[in-house]
Amino acid sequence: QVQLVESGGGLVQAGGSLRLSCAASGRTVSRFAVGWFRQAPGKEREFVSTISWNGGSIYYADSVKGRFTISRDNAKNTVYLQMNSLKPEDTAVYYCAVDSLALTIPAPTAPSRYNYWGQGTQVTVSS
């Protein structure tokens, strides 16, 4: 069993930055892709970014490409999402999740591939 805890969310003005962390416990996630997803009020959960187990496969949603950067530190069992140039439309609850299959390349983007989810962290961007 894997427990995931997201942190780093908060309230920021448009143009600002936040760094989200996803800390895993229970077992190592070093052999699994980890993804970030978000859900805004009244909208479905959407893919934001994902990173493969070895960091060699990374994808971003078009809406965040060039502004967000995903990274991982397998020694710390933690994945990060650096968010720069934030926009009001980035406002959402951000979730991290772990792929259900080990050692997959490329990293998956479909939420259905992920079987462990955190509780989420709120990101609010004011205009």
Foldseek 3Di string as FASTA:
>chain_A
DKAWAKDFADEEAAQAKTKIKIAIDPDFLLFWKKFKWWDDPPGDIAGAKIAGSVRPAIDGDPVQPPFWDWDDDRVRSMIMIIGGRDDQVVWTWMKMFIFPDGNDPPHDRDPVRTDYMYPTDTHGYHD
